[in-house]
């Protein structure tokens, strides 16, 4: 696994799926608030006049010279829950992101959020 600080250097670079098809551009990293490990990334997708940020899991992601490769299908990623480019992730929206990828979701022991932007 890579550190959040390392992967942030790829901001603006392409995010591609397992077949190296471009999904969009890396915008930000969200860490697991319990471990501080990179958990999800936001990827800028859409037309220049209608951009949005979709969430993609970073588990099993790899970095290349000018890209970040995730093991999820391009279409699945593009259809993921999203926020506006100037929006923020609301706590009540976190479970939908995990569910979209079939990943388990739970809050902290006292109901803390699971994702924090870095």
C-alpha atoms as a PDB file:
ATOM      1  CA  UNK A   1       0.000   0.000   0.000  1.00  0.00           C
ATOM      2  CA  UNK A   2       1.176   3.519  -0.686  1.00  0.00           C
ATOM      3  CA  UNK A   3       1.038   6.489   1.632  1.00  0.00           C
ATOM      4  CA  UNK A   4      -1.532   9.256   1.143  1.00  0.00           C
ATOM      5  CA  UNK A   5       1.286  11.764   0.775  1.00  0.00           C
ATOM      6  CA  UNK A   6       2.818   9.745  -2.077  1.00  0.00           C
ATOM      7  CA  UNK A   7      -0.391   9.282  -4.016  1.00  0.00           C
ATOM      8  CA  UNK A   8      -1.241  12.989  -3.751  1.00  0.00           C
ATOM      9  CA  UNK A   9       1.714  13.593  -6.078  1.00  0.00           C
ATOM     10  CA  UNK A  10      -0.464  12.015  -8.781  1.00  0.00           C
ATOM     11  CA  UNK A  11      -3.161  14.691  -8.481  1.00  0.00           C
ATOM     12  CA  UNK A  12      -4.268  15.661 -11.987  1.00  0.00           C
ATOM     13  CA  UNK A  13      -2.863  12.478 -13.526  1.00  0.00           C
ATOM     14  CA  UNK A  14      -5.052   9.928 -15.265  1.00  0.00           C
ATOM     15  CA  UNK A  15      -6.941   7.279 -13.322  1.00  0.00           C
ATOM     16  CA  UNK A  16      -7.379   4.130 -15.408  1.00  0.00           C
ATOM     17  CA  UNK A  17      -9.151   0.809 -14.954  1.00  0.00           C
ATOM     18  CA  UNK A  18      -7.569  -2.645 -15.069  1.00  0.00           C
ATOM     19  CA  UNK A  19      -7.501  -2.531 -18.878  1.00  0.00           C
ATOM     20  CA  UNK A  20      -5.860   0.935 -18.785  1.00  0.00           C
ATOM     21  CA  UNK A  21      -9.000   2.704 -20.059  1.00  0.00           C
ATOM     22  CA  UNK A  22      -9.113   6.253 -18.758  1.00  0.00           C
ATOM     23  CA  UNK A  23     -11.760   6.984 -16.155  1.00  0.00           C
ATOM     24  CA  UNK A  24     -10.787  10.583 -15.386  1.00  0.00           C
ATOM     25  CA  UNK A  25      -8.222  12.640 -13.456  1.00  0.00           C
ATOM     26  CA  UNK A  26      -7.211  12.194  -9.822  1.00  0.00           C
ATOM     27  CA  UNK A  27      -8.587  15.022  -7.696  1.00  0.00           C
ATOM     28  CA  UNK A  28      -8.253  14.073  -4.003  1.00  0.00           C
ATOM     29  CA  UNK A  29      -7.568  11.260  -1.554  1.00  0.00           C
ATOM     30  CA  UNK A  30      -9.879  10.157   1.256  1.00  0.00           C
ATOM     31  CA  UNK A  31      -8.338   8.200   4.103  1.00  0.00           C
ATOM     32  CA  UNK A  32      -9.909   5.735   6.498  1.00  0.00           C
ATOM     33  CA  UNK A  33     -10.335   7.807   9.656  1.00  0.00           C
ATOM     34  CA  UNK A  34      -9.499   4.819  11.883  1.00  0.00           C
ATOM     35  CA  UNK A  35      -6.181   3.948  10.215  1.00  0.00           C
ATOM     36  CA  UNK A  36      -5.262   7.082   8.223  1.00  0.00           C
ATOM     37  CA  UNK A  37      -4.570   4.787   5.241  1.00  0.00           C
ATOM     38  CA  UNK A  38      -5.690   5.854   1.733  1.00  0.00           C
ATOM     39  CA  UNK A  39      -9.133   4.364   1.183  1.00  0.00           C
ATOM     40  CA  UNK A  40     -10.883   6.184  -1.684  1.00  0.00           C
ATOM     41  CA  UNK A  41     -10.014   8.768  -4.305  1.00  0.00           C
ATOM     42  CA  UNK A  42     -12.174  11.266  -6.092  1.00  0.00           C
ATOM     43  CA  UNK A  43     -11.831  11.297  -9.853  1.00  0.00           C
ATOM     44  CA  UNK A  44     -12.928  14.168 -12.082  1.00  0.00           C
ATOM     45  CA  UNK A  45     -15.208  12.876 -14.851  1.00  0.00           C
ATOM     46  CA  UNK A  46     -17.610  14.405 -17.368  1.00  0.00           C
ATOM     47  CA  UNK A  47     -17.594  17.037 -20.041  1.00  0.00           C
ATOM     48  CA  UNK A  48     -15.747  20.327 -19.498  1.00  0.00           C
ATOM     49  CA  UNK A  49     -19.061  22.108 -18.885  1.00  0.00           C
ATOM     50  CA  UNK A  50     -20.500  19.441 -16.546  1.00  0.00           C
ATOM     51  CA  UNK A  51     -17.766  17.916 -14.379  1.00  0.00           C
ATOM     52  CA  UNK A  52     -18.315  15.915 -11.199  1.00  0.00           C
ATOM     53  CA  UNK A  53     -16.220  13.895  -8.770  1.00  0.00           C
ATOM     54  CA  UNK A  54     -16.813  10.143  -8.481  1.00  0.00           C
ATOM     55  CA  UNK A  55     -15.433   7.988  -5.683  1.00  0.00           C
ATOM     56  CA  UNK A  56     -13.217   4.981  -6.412  1.00  0.00           C
ATOM     57  CA  UNK A  57     -11.682   2.565  -3.872  1.00  0.00           C
ATOM     58  CA  UNK A  58      -7.901   2.491  -3.620  1.00  0.00           C
ATOM     59  CA  UNK A  59      -7.578  -1.102  -2.387  1.00  0.00           C
ATOM     60  CA  UNK A  60      -5.225  -2.911  -4.790  1.00  0.00           C
ATOM     61  CA  UNK A  61      -4.547   0.294  -6.762  1.00  0.00           C
ATOM     62  CA  UNK A  62      -1.147   0.633  -8.393  1.00  0.00           C
ATOM     63  CA  UNK A  63       0.745   3.627  -9.697  1.00  0.00           C
ATOM     64  CA  UNK A  64       2.481   3.922 -13.037  1.00  0.00           C
ATOM     65  CA  UNK A  65       4.636   6.678 -14.526  1.00  0.00           C
ATOM     66  CA  UNK A  66       1.718   9.040 -15.217  1.00  0.00           C
ATOM     67  CA  UNK A  67      -1.345   7.202 -13.969  1.00  0.00           C
ATOM     68  CA  UNK A  68      -3.098   5.533 -11.074  1.00  0.00           C
ATOM     69  CA  UNK A  69      -4.593   2.143 -11.990  1.00  0.00           C
ATOM     70  CA  UNK A  70      -7.551   0.790 -10.030  1.00  0.00           C
ATOM     71  CA  UNK A  71      -8.894  -2.762 -10.364  1.00  0.00           C
ATOM     72  CA  UNK A  72     -12.481  -1.574 -10.909  1.00  0.00           C
ATOM     73  CA  UNK A  73     -14.224  -1.397 -14.282  1.00  0.00           C
ATOM     74  CA  UNK A  74     -14.365   2.015 -15.944  1.00  0.00           C
ATOM     75  CA  UNK A  75     -18.161   2.046 -16.276  1.00  0.00           C
ATOM     76  CA  UNK A  76     -18.672   0.977 -12.646  1.00  0.00           C
ATOM     77  CA  UNK A  77     -16.426   3.847 -11.546  1.00  0.00           C
ATOM     78  CA  UNK A  78     -18.144   6.408 -13.766  1.00  0.00           C
ATOM     79  CA  UNK A  79     -21.531   5.378 -12.359  1.00  0.00           C
ATOM     80  CA  UNK A  80     -20.331   5.636  -8.751  1.00  0.00           C
ATOM     81  CA  UNK A  81     -21.846   8.101  -6.284  1.00  0.00           C
ATOM     82  CA  UNK A  82     -20.524  11.581  -6.957  1.00  0.00           C
ATOM     83  CA  UNK A  83     -20.326  15.117  -5.642  1.00  0.00           C
ATOM     84  CA  UNK A  84     -19.982  18.465  -7.405  1.00  0.00           C
ATOM     85  CA  UNK A  85     -16.431  19.602  -8.097  1.00  0.00           C
ATOM     86  CA  UNK A  86     -16.790  22.142  -5.301  1.00  0.00           C
ATOM     87  CA  UNK A  87     -18.969  19.892  -3.122  1.00  0.00           C
ATOM     88  CA  UNK A  88     -18.208  17.876  -0.026  1.00  0.00           C
ATOM     89  CA  UNK A  89     -18.972  14.330   1.002  1.00  0.00           C
ATOM     90  CA  UNK A  90     -21.766  14.209   3.552  1.00  0.00           C
ATOM     91  CA  UNK A  91     -21.611  11.615   6.331  1.00  0.00           C
ATOM     92  CA  UNK A  92     -24.963  10.133   5.305  1.00  0.00           C
ATOM     93  CA  UNK A  93     -23.646   9.509   1.763  1.00  0.00           C
ATOM     94  CA  UNK A  94     -20.671   7.373   2.832  1.00  0.00           C
ATOM     95  CA  UNK A  95     -22.607   4.056   2.994  1.00  0.00           C
ATOM     96  CA  UNK A  96     -23.776   4.457  -0.642  1.00  0.00           C
ATOM     97  CA  UNK A  97     -20.191   4.727  -1.855  1.00  0.00           C
ATOM     98  CA  UNK A  98     -19.148   1.507  -0.144  1.00  0.00           C
ATOM     99  CA  UNK A  99     -22.343  -0.281  -1.273  1.00  0.00           C
ATOM    100  CA  UNK A 100     -21.768   0.712  -4.909  1.00  0.00           C
ATOM    101  CA  UNK A 101     -18.566  -1.362  -4.908  1.00  0.00           C
ATOM    102  CA  UNK A 102     -19.963  -4.150  -2.707  1.00  0.00           C
ATOM    103  CA  UNK A 103     -17.668  -3.188   0.167  1.00  0.00           C
ATOM    104  CA  UNK A 104     -18.629  -3.479   3.852  1.00  0.00           C
ATOM    105  CA  UNK A 105     -19.324  -0.232   5.683  1.00  0.00           C
ATOM    106  CA  UNK A 106     -19.383   0.602   9.364  1.00  0.00           C
ATOM    107  CA  UNK A 107     -18.881   3.782  11.317  1.00  0.00           C
ATOM    108  CA  UNK A 108     -16.418   4.138  14.168  1.00  0.00           C
ATOM    109  CA  UNK A 109     -17.310   2.757  17.578  1.00  0.00           C
ATOM    110  CA  UNK A 110     -18.952   6.050  18.504  1.00  0.00           C
ATOM    111  CA  UNK A 111     -20.494   6.743  15.103  1.00  0.00           C
ATOM    112  CA  UNK A 112     -17.508   8.579  13.640  1.00  0.00           C
ATOM    113  CA  UNK A 113     -17.251   9.135   9.921  1.00  0.00           C
ATOM    114  CA  UNK A 114     -15.318   6.563   7.965  1.00  0.00           C
ATOM    115  CA  UNK A 115     -13.727   8.820   5.321  1.00  0.00           C
ATOM    116  CA  UNK A 116     -11.679  12.001   5.672  1.00  0.00           C
ATOM    117  CA  UNK A 117     -10.279  14.096   2.820  1.00  0.00           C
ATOM    118  CA  UNK A 118      -6.512  14.690   2.679  1.00  0.00           C
END
